[in-house]
């Protein structure tokens, strides 16, 4: 176990010295860079949150518009069907009468 702690201590000291000698920026610069990084992440997160709220609102508006449009469309379609039935009723009755007459004529011939 003593070898572990000795190796750990040497490794730590070596790492710190290497880091200090090869660091491209000062400690203050690194702190500023980290702070700016987190500010950027916070800003980006806020933008995503705002965008999600806008999408949610747009979907809600779309849902309401579709609901209103579909209700009026359904009423229009029902009216058109009623008009069609009313208009076609005499014609359908005429076809039924003609078919009955043909059937009666065929039955008389047989």
PDB file of N, CA and C in Angstrom:
ATOM      1  N   UNK A   1       0.816  -1.190   0.000  1.00  0.00           N
ATOM      2  CA  UNK A   1       0.000   0.000   0.000  1.00  0.00           C
ATOM      3  C   UNK A   1       0.869   1.266   0.000  1.00  0.00           C
ATOM      4  N   UNK A   2       1.982   1.165   0.584  1.00  0.00           N
ATOM      5  CA  UNK A   2       2.889   2.311   0.634  1.00  0.00           C
ATOM      6  C   UNK A   2       3.367   2.680  -0.760  1.00  0.00           C
ATOM      7  N   UNK A   3       3.541   1.677  -1.605  1.00  0.00           N
ATOM      8  CA  UNK A   3       3.955   1.956  -2.986  1.00  0.00           C
ATOM      9  C   UNK A   3       2.864   2.732  -3.733  1.00  0.00           C
ATOM     10  N   UNK A   4       1.604   2.385  -3.447  1.00  0.00           N
ATOM     11  CA  UNK A   4       0.482   3.086  -4.085  1.00  0.00           C
ATOM     12  C   UNK A   4       0.533   4.569  -3.758  1.00  0.00           C
ATOM     13  N   UNK A   5       0.661   4.900  -2.460  1.00  0.00           N
ATOM     14  CA  UNK A   5       0.648   6.293  -2.040  1.00  0.00           C
ATOM     15  C   UNK A   5       1.870   7.045  -2.564  1.00  0.00           C
ATOM     16  N   UNK A   6       2.980   6.364  -2.612  1.00  0.00           N
ATOM     17  CA  UNK A   6       4.183   6.994  -3.149  1.00  0.00           C
ATOM     18  C   UNK A   6       3.998   7.294  -4.642  1.00  0.00           C
ATOM     19  N   UNK A   7       3.441   6.326  -5.377  1.00  0.00           N
ATOM     20  CA  UNK A   7       3.178   6.526  -6.805  1.00  0.00           C
ATOM     21  C   UNK A   7       2.138   7.597  -7.037  1.00  0.00           C
ATOM     22  N   UNK A   8       1.121   7.605  -6.197  1.00  0.00           N
ATOM     23  CA  UNK A   8       0.066   8.620  -6.318  1.00  0.00           C
ATOM     24  C   UNK A   8       0.634  10.016  -6.083  1.00  0.00           C
ATOM     25  N   UNK A   9       1.454  10.155  -5.068  1.00  0.00           N
ATOM     26  CA  UNK A   9       2.060  11.448  -4.746  1.00  0.00           C
ATOM     27  C   UNK A   9       2.978  11.930  -5.856  1.00  0.00           C
ATOM     28  N   UNK A  10       3.813  11.038  -6.375  1.00  0.00           N
ATOM     29  CA  UNK A  10       4.726  11.418  -7.464  1.00  0.00           C
ATOM     30  C   UNK A  10       3.919  11.778  -8.710  1.00  0.00           C
ATOM     31  N   UNK A  11       2.900  11.001  -8.999  1.00  0.00           N
ATOM     32  CA  UNK A  11       2.055  11.279 -10.170  1.00  0.00           C
ATOM     33  C   UNK A  11       1.342  12.614 -10.055  1.00  0.00           C
ATOM     34  N   UNK A  12       0.837  12.901  -8.866  1.00  0.00           N
ATOM     35  CA  UNK A  12       0.136  14.172  -8.644  1.00  0.00           C
ATOM     36  C   UNK A  12       1.080  15.350  -8.825  1.00  0.00           C
ATOM     37  N   UNK A  13       2.230  15.279  -8.196  1.00  0.00           N
ATOM     38  CA  UNK A  13       3.200  16.377  -8.305  1.00  0.00           C
ATOM     39  C   UNK A  13       3.654  16.543  -9.751  1.00  0.00           C
ATOM     40  N   UNK A  14       3.916  15.426 -10.419  1.00  0.00           N
ATOM     41  CA  UNK A  14       4.342  15.482 -11.816  1.00  0.00           C
ATOM     42  C   UNK A  14       3.249  16.107 -12.681  1.00  0.00           C
ATOM     43  N   UNK A  15       2.008  15.709 -12.457  1.00  0.00           N
ATOM     44  CA  UNK A  15       0.885  16.250 -13.229  1.00  0.00           C
ATOM     45  C   UNK A  15       0.708  17.734 -13.023  1.00  0.00           C
ATOM     46  N   UNK A  16       0.813  18.193 -11.778  1.00  0.00           N
ATOM     47  CA  UNK A  16       0.655  19.617 -11.475  1.00  0.00           C
ATOM     48  C   UNK A  16       1.770  20.419 -12.133  1.00  0.00           C
ATOM     49  N   UNK A  17       3.010  19.939 -11.988  1.00  0.00           N
ATOM     50  CA  UNK A  17       4.145  20.652 -12.584  1.00  0.00           C
ATOM     51  C   UNK A  17       3.999  20.689 -14.099  1.00  0.00           C
ATOM     52  N   UNK A  18       3.636  19.561 -14.698  1.00  0.00           N
ATOM     53  CA  UNK A  18       3.463  19.514 -16.154  1.00  0.00           C
ATOM     54  C   UNK A  18       2.357  20.475 -16.592  1.00  0.00           C
ATOM     55  N   UNK A  19       1.265  20.477 -15.872  1.00  0.00           N
ATOM     56  CA  UNK A  19       0.150  21.370 -16.189  1.00  0.00           C
ATOM     57  C   UNK A  19       0.542  22.828 -16.099  1.00  0.00           C
ATOM     58  N   UNK A  20       1.278  23.173 -15.060  1.00  0.00           N
ATOM     59  CA  UNK A  20       1.699  24.565 -14.898  1.00  0.00           C
ATOM     60  C   UNK A  20       2.685  24.994 -15.984  1.00  0.00           C
ATOM     61  N   UNK A  21       3.560  24.086 -16.370  1.00  0.00           N
ATOM     62  CA  UNK A  21       4.569  24.436 -17.376  1.00  0.00           C
ATOM     63  C   UNK A  21       3.991  24.499 -18.793  1.00  0.00           C
ATOM     64  N   UNK A  22       2.964  23.724 -19.063  1.00  0.00           N
ATOM     65  CA  UNK A  22       2.427  23.659 -20.430  1.00  0.00           C
ATOM     66  C   UNK A  22       1.107  24.400 -20.604  1.00  0.00           C
ATOM     67  N   UNK A  23       0.596  24.997 -19.558  1.00  0.00           N
ATOM     68  CA  UNK A  23      -0.690  25.717 -19.656  1.00  0.00           C
ATOM     69  C   UNK A  23      -0.571  26.866 -20.652  1.00  0.00           C
ATOM     70  N   UNK A  24      -1.552  26.982 -21.510  1.00  0.00           N
ATOM     71  CA  UNK A  24      -1.539  28.022 -22.531  1.00  0.00           C
ATOM     72  C   UNK A  24      -2.105  29.340 -22.011  1.00  0.00           C
ATOM     73  N   UNK A  25      -2.871  29.253 -20.915  1.00  0.00           N
ATOM     74  CA  UNK A  25      -3.511  30.447 -20.383  1.00  0.00           C
ATOM     75  C   UNK A  25      -3.240  30.527 -18.885  1.00  0.00           C
ATOM     76  N   UNK A  26      -3.337  31.735 -18.373  1.00  0.00           N
ATOM     77  CA  UNK A  26      -3.166  31.913 -16.929  1.00  0.00           C
ATOM     78  C   UNK A  26      -4.413  31.424 -16.211  1.00  0.00           C
ATOM     79  N   UNK A  27      -4.302  31.296 -14.901  1.00  0.00           N
ATOM     80  CA  UNK A  27      -5.452  30.850 -14.102  1.00  0.00           C
ATOM     81  C   UNK A  27      -6.638  31.787 -14.250  1.00  0.00           C
ATOM     82  N   UNK A  28      -6.373  33.088 -14.252  1.00  0.00           N
ATOM     83  CA  UNK A  28      -7.455  34.075 -14.392  1.00  0.00           C
ATOM     84  C   UNK A  28      -8.121  33.955 -15.753  1.00  0.00           C
ATOM     85  N   UNK A  29      -7.305  33.735 -16.792  1.00  0.00           N
ATOM     86  CA  UNK A  29      -7.872  33.560 -18.137  1.00  0.00           C
ATOM     87  C   UNK A  29      -8.733  32.310 -18.198  1.00  0.00           C
ATOM     88  N   UNK A  30      -8.246  31.219 -17.609  1.00  0.00           N
ATOM     89  CA  UNK A  30      -9.026  29.970 -17.600  1.00  0.00           C
ATOM     90  C   UNK A  30     -10.332  30.152 -16.843  1.00  0.00           C
ATOM     91  N   UNK A  31     -10.295  30.893 -15.731  1.00  0.00           N
ATOM     92  CA  UNK A  31     -11.524  31.152 -14.981  1.00  0.00           C
ATOM     93  C   UNK A  31     -12.514  31.936 -15.830  1.00  0.00           C
ATOM     94  N   UNK A  32     -12.019  32.930 -16.551  1.00  0.00           N
ATOM     95  CA  UNK A  32     -12.890  33.725 -17.420  1.00  0.00           C
ATOM     96  C   UNK A  32     -13.468  32.854 -18.539  1.00  0.00           C
ATOM     97  N   UNK A  33     -12.634  31.989 -19.091  1.00  0.00           N
ATOM     98  CA  UNK A  33     -13.099  31.119 -20.176  1.00  0.00           C
ATOM     99  C   UNK A  33     -14.174  30.158 -19.680  1.00  0.00           C
ATOM    100  N   UNK A  34     -13.964  29.587 -18.490  1.00  0.00           N
ATOM    101  CA  UNK A  34     -14.966  28.674 -17.922  1.00  0.00           C
ATOM    102  C   UNK A  34     -16.255  29.442 -17.633  1.00  0.00           C
ATOM    103  N   UNK A  35     -16.121  30.643 -17.057  1.00  0.00           N
ATOM    104  CA  UNK A  35     -17.311  31.457 -16.764  1.00  0.00           C
ATOM    105  C   UNK A  35     -18.058  31.792 -18.053  1.00  0.00           C
ATOM    106  N   UNK A  36     -17.328  32.168 -19.102  1.00  0.00           N
ATOM    107  CA  UNK A  36     -17.967  32.488 -20.383  1.00  0.00           C
ATOM    108  C   UNK A  36     -18.639  31.246 -20.973  1.00  0.00           C
ATOM    109  N   UNK A  37     -17.989  30.105 -20.830  1.00  0.00           N
ATOM    110  CA  UNK A  37     -18.565  28.844 -21.325  1.00  0.00           C
ATOM    111  C   UNK A  37     -19.920  28.583 -20.658  1.00  0.00           C
ATOM    112  N   UNK A  38     -19.979  28.734 -19.342  1.00  0.00           N
ATOM    113  CA  UNK A  38     -21.238  28.503 -18.639  1.00  0.00           C
ATOM    114  C   UNK A  38     -22.278  29.572 -18.972  1.00  0.00           C
ATOM    115  N   UNK A  39     -21.847  30.804 -19.198  1.00  0.00           N
ATOM    116  CA  UNK A  39     -22.792  31.841 -19.642  1.00  0.00           C
ATOM    117  C   UNK A  39     -23.379  31.476 -21.002  1.00  0.00           C
ATOM    118  N   UNK A  40     -22.513  30.986 -21.891  1.00  0.00           N
ATOM    119  CA  UNK A  40     -22.994  30.580 -23.216  1.00  0.00           C
ATOM    120  C   UNK A  40     -23.978  29.414 -23.115  1.00  0.00           C
ATOM    121  N   UNK A  41     -23.665  28.455 -22.259  1.00  0.00           N
ATOM    122  CA  UNK A  41     -24.577  27.313 -22.079  1.00  0.00           C
ATOM    123  C   UNK A  41     -25.907  27.791 -21.513  1.00  0.00           C
ATOM    124  N   UNK A  42     -25.851  28.685 -20.532  1.00  0.00           N
ATOM    125  CA  UNK A  42     -27.084  29.226 -19.937  1.00  0.00           C
ATOM    126  C   UNK A  42     -27.901  29.968 -20.992  1.00  0.00           C
ATOM    127  N   UNK A  43     -27.240  30.774 -21.798  1.00  0.00           N
ATOM    128  CA  UNK A  43     -27.929  31.523 -22.847  1.00  0.00           C
ATOM    129  C   UNK A  43     -28.567  30.560 -23.857  1.00  0.00           C
ATOM    130  N   UNK A  44     -27.812  29.561 -24.271  1.00  0.00           N
ATOM    131  CA  UNK A  44     -28.338  28.589 -25.240  1.00  0.00           C
ATOM    132  C   UNK A  44     -29.520  27.823 -24.649  1.00  0.00           C
ATOM    133  N   UNK A  45     -29.425  27.453 -23.376  1.00  0.00           N
ATOM    134  CA  UNK A  45     -30.523  26.745 -22.713  1.00  0.00           C
ATOM    135  C   UNK A  45     -31.766  27.630 -22.653  1.00  0.00           C
ATOM    136  N   UNK A  46     -31.577  28.894 -22.353  1.00  0.00           N
ATOM    137  CA  UNK A  46     -32.713  29.828 -22.315  1.00  0.00           C
ATOM    138  C   UNK A  46     -33.344  29.973 -23.698  1.00  0.00           C
ATOM    139  N   UNK A  47     -32.520  30.019 -24.735  1.00  0.00           N
ATOM    140  CA  UNK A  47     -33.054  30.122 -26.098  1.00  0.00           C
ATOM    141  C   UNK A  47     -33.858  28.873 -26.464  1.00  0.00           C
ATOM    142  N   UNK A  48     -33.344  27.705 -26.092  1.00  0.00           N
ATOM    143  CA  UNK A  48     -34.077  26.463 -26.370  1.00  0.00           C
ATOM    144  C   UNK A  48     -35.402  26.463 -25.620  1.00  0.00           C
ATOM    145  N   UNK A  49     -35.373  26.870 -24.360  1.00  0.00           N
ATOM    146  CA  UNK A  49     -36.608  26.913 -23.565  1.00  0.00           C
ATOM    147  C   UNK A  49     -37.617  27.872 -24.201  1.00  0.00           C
ATOM    148  N   UNK A  50     -37.149  29.037 -24.613  1.00  0.00           N
ATOM    149  CA  UNK A  50     -38.034  30.014 -25.259  1.00  0.00           C
ATOM    150  C   UNK A  50     -38.609  29.438 -26.553  1.00  0.00           C
ATOM    151  N   UNK A  51     -37.773  28.785 -27.323  1.00  0.00           N
ATOM    152  CA  UNK A  51     -38.236  28.188 -28.574  1.00  0.00           C
ATOM    153  C   UNK A  51     -39.278  27.105 -28.320  1.00  0.00           C
ATOM    154  N   UNK A  52     -39.065  26.304 -27.293  1.00  0.00           N
ATOM    155  CA  UNK A  52     -40.039  25.258 -26.961  1.00  0.00           C
ATOM    156  C   UNK A  52     -41.377  25.853 -26.543  1.00  0.00           C
ATOM    157  N   UNK A  53     -41.338  26.936 -25.797  1.00  0.00           N
ATOM    158  CA  UNK A  53     -42.583  27.612 -25.396  1.00  0.00           C
ATOM    159  C   UNK A  53     -43.293  28.152 -26.633  1.00  0.00           C
ATOM    160  N   UNK A  54     -42.535  28.740 -27.560  1.00  0.00           N
ATOM    161  CA  UNK A  54     -43.134  29.263 -28.785  1.00  0.00           C
ATOM    162  C   UNK A  54     -43.752  28.140 -29.624  1.00  0.00           C
ATOM    163  N   UNK A  55     -43.067  27.012 -29.702  1.00  0.00           N
ATOM    164  CA  UNK A  55     -43.617  25.865 -30.445  1.00  0.00           C
ATOM    165  C   UNK A  55     -44.894  25.376 -29.773  1.00  0.00           C
ATOM    166  N   UNK A  56     -44.877  25.298 -28.458  1.00  0.00           N
ATOM    167  CA  UNK A  56     -46.073  24.866 -27.718  1.00  0.00           C
ATOM    168  C   UNK A  56     -47.241  25.806 -27.996  1.00  0.00           C
ATOM    169  N   UNK A  57     -46.984  27.103 -27.956  1.00  0.00           N
ATOM    170  CA  UNK A  57     -48.041  28.082 -28.225  1.00  0.00           C
ATOM    171  C   UNK A  57     -48.544  27.978 -29.666  1.00  0.00           C
ATOM    172  N   UNK A  58     -47.617  27.782 -30.601  1.00  0.00           N
ATOM    173  CA  UNK A  58     -48.016  27.652 -32.007  1.00  0.00           C
ATOM    174  C   UNK A  58     -48.870  26.399 -32.211  1.00  0.00           C
ATOM    175  N   UNK A  59     -48.507  25.311 -31.569  1.00  0.00           N
ATOM    176  CA  UNK A  59     -49.304  24.085 -31.690  1.00  0.00           C
ATOM    177  C   UNK A  59     -50.692  24.262 -31.081  1.00  0.00           C
ATOM    178  N   UNK A  60     -50.759  24.967 -29.987  1.00  0.00           N
ATOM    179  CA  UNK A  60     -52.052  25.232 -29.355  1.00  0.00           C
ATOM    180  C   UNK A  60     -52.927  26.077 -30.280  1.00  0.00           C
ATOM    181  N   UNK A  61     -52.345  27.104 -30.885  1.00  0.00           N
ATOM    182  CA  UNK A  61     -53.081  27.948 -31.822  1.00  0.00           C
ATOM    183  C   UNK A  61     -53.548  27.136 -33.030  1.00  0.00           C
ATOM    184  N   UNK A  62     -52.662  26.318 -33.560  1.00  0.00           N
ATOM    185  CA  UNK A  62     -53.014  25.466 -34.703  1.00  0.00           C
ATOM    186  C   UNK A  62     -54.149  24.522 -34.342  1.00  0.00           C
ATOM    187  N   UNK A  63     -54.080  23.925 -33.167  1.00  0.00           N
ATOM    188  CA  UNK A  63     -55.131  23.015 -32.710  1.00  0.00           C
ATOM    189  C   UNK A  63     -56.485  23.729 -32.666  1.00  0.00           C
ATOM    190  N   UNK A  64     -56.497  24.937 -32.117  1.00  0.00           N
ATOM    191  CA  UNK A  64     -57.749  25.693 -32.038  1.00  0.00           C
ATOM    192  C   UNK A  64     -58.279  26.057 -33.425  1.00  0.00           C
ATOM    193  N   UNK A  65     -57.378  26.454 -34.323  1.00  0.00           N
ATOM    194  CA  UNK A  65     -57.808  26.809 -35.677  1.00  0.00           C
ATOM    195  C   UNK A  65     -58.360  25.594 -36.421  1.00  0.00           C
ATOM    196  N   UNK A  66     -57.719  24.457 -36.256  1.00  0.00           N
ATOM    197  CA  UNK A  66     -58.205  23.226 -36.902  1.00  0.00           C
ATOM    198  C   UNK A  66     -59.568  22.847 -36.338  1.00  0.00           C
ATOM    199  N   UNK A  67     -59.732  23.001 -35.040  1.00  0.00           N
ATOM    200  CA  UNK A  67     -61.013  22.674 -34.408  1.00  0.00           C
ATOM    201  C   UNK A  67     -62.125  23.558 -34.966  1.00  0.00           C
ATOM    202  N   UNK A  68     -61.870  24.849 -35.057  1.00  0.00           N
ATOM    203  CA  UNK A  68     -62.877  25.785 -35.578  1.00  0.00           C
ATOM    204  C   UNK A  68     -63.177  25.483 -37.048  1.00  0.00           C
ATOM    205  N   UNK A  69     -62.118  25.282 -37.830  1.00  0.00           N
ATOM    206  CA  UNK A  69     -62.297  25.022 -39.259  1.00  0.00           C
ATOM    207  C   UNK A  69     -63.021  23.699 -39.489  1.00  0.00           C
ATOM    208  N   UNK A  70     -62.688  22.689 -38.700  1.00  0.00           N
ATOM    209  CA  UNK A  70     -63.329  21.385 -38.905  1.00  0.00           C
ATOM    210  C   UNK A  70     -64.806  21.433 -38.532  1.00  0.00           C
ATOM    211  N   UNK A  71     -65.153  22.203 -37.506  1.00  0.00           N
ATOM    212  CA  UNK A  71     -66.567  22.310 -37.117  1.00  0.00           C
ATOM    213  C   UNK A  71     -67.386  22.952 -38.229  1.00  0.00           C
ATOM    214  N   UNK A  72     -66.886  24.034 -38.795  1.00  0.00           N
ATOM    215  CA  UNK A  72     -67.640  24.692 -39.867  1.00  0.00           C
ATOM    216  C   UNK A  72     -67.653  23.822 -41.125  1.00  0.00           C
ATOM    217  N   UNK A  73     -66.586  23.088 -41.366  1.00  0.00           N
ATOM    218  CA  UNK A  73     -66.544  22.206 -42.532  1.00  0.00           C
ATOM    219  C   UNK A  73     -67.540  21.072 -42.381  1.00  0.00           C
ATOM    220  N   UNK A  74     -67.650  20.514 -41.193  1.00  0.00           N
ATOM    221  CA  UNK A  74     -68.611  19.431 -40.944  1.00  0.00           C
ATOM    222  C   UNK A  74     -70.032  19.930 -41.172  1.00  0.00           C
ATOM    223  N   UNK A  75     -70.321  21.128 -40.695  1.00  0.00           N
ATOM    224  CA  UNK A  75     -71.661  21.709 -40.905  1.00  0.00           C
ATOM    225  C   UNK A  75     -71.919  21.876 -42.405  1.00  0.00           C
ATOM    226  N   UNK A  76     -70.930  22.385 -43.123  1.00  0.00           N
ATOM    227  CA  UNK A  76     -71.080  22.569 -44.570  1.00  0.00           C
ATOM    228  C   UNK A  76     -71.305  21.235 -45.287  1.00  0.00           C
ATOM    229  N   UNK A  77     -70.569  20.221 -44.901  1.00  0.00           N
ATOM    230  CA  UNK A  77     -70.724  18.903 -45.540  1.00  0.00           C
ATOM    231  C   UNK A  77     -72.100  18.326 -45.241  1.00  0.00           C
ATOM    232  N   UNK A  78     -72.559  18.456 -44.011  1.00  0.00           N
ATOM    233  CA  UNK A  78     -73.908  17.963 -43.667  1.00  0.00           C
ATOM    234  C   UNK A  78     -74.972  18.685 -44.486  1.00  0.00           C
ATOM    235  N   UNK A  79     -74.818  20.008 -44.648  1.00  0.00           N
ATOM    236  CA  UNK A  79     -75.770  20.772 -45.464  1.00  0.00           C
ATOM    237  C   UNK A  79     -75.753  20.300 -46.917  1.00  0.00           C
ATOM    238  N   UNK A  80     -74.556  20.050 -47.446  1.00  0.00           N
ATOM    239  CA  UNK A  80     -74.451  19.584 -48.829  1.00  0.00           C
ATOM    240  C   UNK A  80     -75.099  18.213 -49.002  1.00  0.00           C
ATOM    241  N   UNK A  81     -74.931  17.344 -48.020  1.00  0.00           N
ATOM    242  CA  UNK A  81     -75.552  16.010 -48.088  1.00  0.00           C
ATOM    243  C   UNK A  81     -77.066  16.132 -48.057  1.00  0.00           C
ATOM    244  N   UNK A  82     -77.575  17.004 -47.182  1.00  0.00           N
ATOM    245  CA  UNK A  82     -79.027  17.210 -47.125  1.00  0.00           C
ATOM    246  C   UNK A  82     -79.556  17.760 -48.449  1.00  0.00           C
ATOM    247  N   UNK A  83     -78.845  18.723 -49.021  1.00  0.00           N
ATOM    248  CA  UNK A  83     -79.250  19.277 -50.313  1.00  0.00           C
ATOM    249  C   UNK A  83     -79.233  18.201 -51.401  1.00  0.00           C
ATOM    250  N   UNK A  84     -78.197  17.378 -51.380  1.00  0.00           N
ATOM    251  CA  UNK A  84     -78.085  16.308 -52.370  1.00  0.00           C
ATOM    252  C   UNK A  84     -79.242  15.321 -52.230  1.00  0.00           C
ATOM    253  N   UNK A  85     -79.536  14.932 -51.009  1.00  0.00           N
ATOM    254  CA  UNK A  85     -80.652  13.999 -50.779  1.00  0.00           C
ATOM    255  C   UNK A  85     -81.966  14.602 -51.263  1.00  0.00           C
ATOM    256  N   UNK A  86     -82.170  15.875 -50.937  1.00  0.00           N
ATOM    257  CA  UNK A  86     -83.411  16.539 -51.346  1.00  0.00           C
ATOM    258  C   UNK A  86     -83.514  16.614 -52.871  1.00  0.00           C
ATOM    259  N   UNK A  87     -82.408  16.965 -53.498  1.00  0.00           N
ATOM    260  CA  UNK A  87     -82.395  17.092 -54.951  1.00  0.00           C
ATOM    261  C   UNK A  87     -82.557  15.739 -55.639  1.00  0.00           C
ATOM    262  N   UNK A  88     -81.950  14.720 -55.100  1.00  0.00           N
ATOM    263  CA  UNK A  88     -81.940  13.407 -55.739  1.00  0.00           C
ATOM    264  C   UNK A  88     -83.160  12.557 -55.409  1.00  0.00           C
ATOM    265  N   UNK A  89     -83.921  12.909 -54.408  1.00  0.00           N
ATOM    266  CA  UNK A  89     -85.053  12.083 -53.980  1.00  0.00           C
ATOM    267  C   UNK A  89     -86.023  11.786 -55.124  1.00  0.00           C
ATOM    268  N   UNK A  90     -86.464  12.787 -55.880  1.00  0.00           N
ATOM    269  CA  UNK A  90     -87.389  12.467 -56.977  1.00  0.00           C
ATOM    270  C   UNK A  90     -86.730  11.578 -58.043  1.00  0.00           C
ATOM    271  N   UNK A  91     -85.458  11.798 -58.310  1.00  0.00           N
ATOM    272  CA  UNK A  91     -84.758  10.997 -59.325  1.00  0.00           C
ATOM    273  C   UNK A  91     -84.606   9.546 -58.868  1.00  0.00           C
ATOM    274  N   UNK A  92     -84.265   9.384 -57.606  1.00  0.00           N
ATOM    275  CA  UNK A  92     -84.127   8.025 -57.069  1.00  0.00           C
ATOM    276  C   UNK A  92     -85.490   7.317 -57.103  1.00  0.00           C
ATOM    277  N   UNK A  93     -86.520   8.057 -56.758  1.00  0.00           N
ATOM    278  CA  UNK A  93     -87.861   7.471 -56.785  1.00  0.00           C
ATOM    279  C   UNK A  93     -88.250   7.077 -58.209  1.00  0.00           C
ATOM    280  N   UNK A  94     -87.902   7.917 -59.177  1.00  0.00           N
ATOM    281  CA  UNK A  94     -88.182   7.611 -60.589  1.00  0.00           C
ATOM    282  C   UNK A  94     -87.456   6.346 -61.018  1.00  0.00           C
ATOM    283  N   UNK A  95     -86.202   6.200 -60.620  1.00  0.00           N
ATOM    284  CA  UNK A  95     -85.436   4.987 -60.958  1.00  0.00           C
ATOM    285  C   UNK A  95     -86.090   3.776 -60.316  1.00  0.00           C
ATOM    286  N   UNK A  96     -86.504   3.886 -59.059  1.00  0.00           N
ATOM    287  CA  UNK A  96     -87.176   2.770 -58.382  1.00  0.00           C
ATOM    288  C   UNK A  96     -88.472   2.401 -59.109  1.00  0.00           C
ATOM    289  N   UNK A  97     -89.216   3.415 -59.478  1.00  0.00           N
ATOM    290  CA  UNK A  97     -90.469   3.155 -60.197  1.00  0.00           C
ATOM    291  C   UNK A  97     -90.202   2.463 -61.526  1.00  0.00           C
ATOM    292  N   UNK A  98     -89.184   2.918 -62.240  1.00  0.00           N
ATOM    293  CA  UNK A  98     -88.840   2.300 -63.531  1.00  0.00           C
ATOM    294  C   UNK A  98     -88.394   0.853 -63.345  1.00  0.00           C
ATOM    295  N   UNK A  99     -87.619   0.599 -62.310  1.00  0.00           N
ATOM    296  CA  UNK A  99     -87.177  -0.772 -62.039  1.00  0.00           C
ATOM    297  C   UNK A  99     -88.381  -1.645 -61.689  1.00  0.00           C
ATOM    298  N   UNK A 100     -89.288  -1.128 -60.902  1.00  0.00           N
ATOM    299  CA  UNK A 100     -90.504  -1.896 -60.560  1.00  0.00           C
ATOM    300  C   UNK A 100     -91.344  -2.185 -61.804  1.00  0.00           C
ATOM    301  N   UNK A 101     -91.434  -1.164 -62.654  1.00  0.00           N
ATOM    302  CA  UNK A 101     -92.205  -1.354 -63.892  1.00  0.00           C
ATOM    303  C   UNK A 101     -91.552  -2.413 -64.763  1.00  0.00           C
ATOM    304  N   UNK A 102     -90.243  -2.365 -64.890  1.00  0.00           N
ATOM    305  CA  UNK A 102     -89.533  -3.384 -65.672  1.00  0.00           C
ATOM    306  C   UNK A 102     -89.730  -4.774 -65.073  1.00  0.00           C
ATOM    307  N   UNK A 103     -89.669  -4.839 -63.775  1.00  0.00           N
ATOM    308  CA  UNK A 103     -89.862  -6.128 -63.092  1.00  0.00           C
ATOM    309  C   UNK A 103     -91.280  -6.635 -63.352  1.00  0.00           C
ATOM    310  N   UNK A 104     -92.260  -5.758 -63.270  1.00  0.00           N
ATOM    311  CA  UNK A 104     -93.640  -6.162 -63.519  1.00  0.00           C
ATOM    312  C   UNK A 104     -93.820  -6.622 -64.975  1.00  0.00           C
ATOM    313  N   UNK A 105     -93.214  -5.893 -65.893  1.00  0.00           N
ATOM    314  CA  UNK A 105     -93.301  -6.266 -67.321  1.00  0.00           C
ATOM    315  C   UNK A 105     -92.669  -7.631 -67.555  1.00  0.00           C
ATOM    316  N   UNK A 106     -91.536  -7.867 -66.900  1.00  0.00           N
ATOM    317  CA  UNK A 106     -90.867  -9.159 -67.045  1.00  0.00           C
ATOM    318  C   UNK A 106     -91.726 -10.284 -66.445  1.00  0.00           C
ATOM    319  N   UNK A 107     -92.350 -10.003 -65.337  1.00  0.00           N
ATOM    320  CA  UNK A 107     -93.203 -11.019 -64.699  1.00  0.00           C
ATOM    321  C   UNK A 107     -94.434 -11.322 -65.557  1.00  0.00           C
ATOM    322  N   UNK A 108     -94.986 -10.305 -66.236  1.00  0.00           N
ATOM    323  CA  UNK A 108     -96.153 -10.507 -67.103  1.00  0.00           C
ATOM    324  C   UNK A 108     -95.792 -11.354 -68.310  1.00  0.00           C
ATOM    325  N   UNK A 109     -94.590 -11.172 -68.837  1.00  0.00           N
ATOM    326  CA  UNK A 109     -94.157 -11.926 -70.007  1.00  0.00           C
ATOM    327  C   UNK A 109     -93.934 -13.386 -69.668  1.00  0.00           C
ATOM    328  N   UNK A 110     -93.519 -13.687 -68.483  1.00  0.00           N
ATOM    329  CA  UNK A 110     -93.231 -15.082 -68.107  1.00  0.00           C
ATOM    330  C   UNK A 110     -94.473 -15.714 -67.660  1.00  0.00           C
TER     331      UNK A 110
END
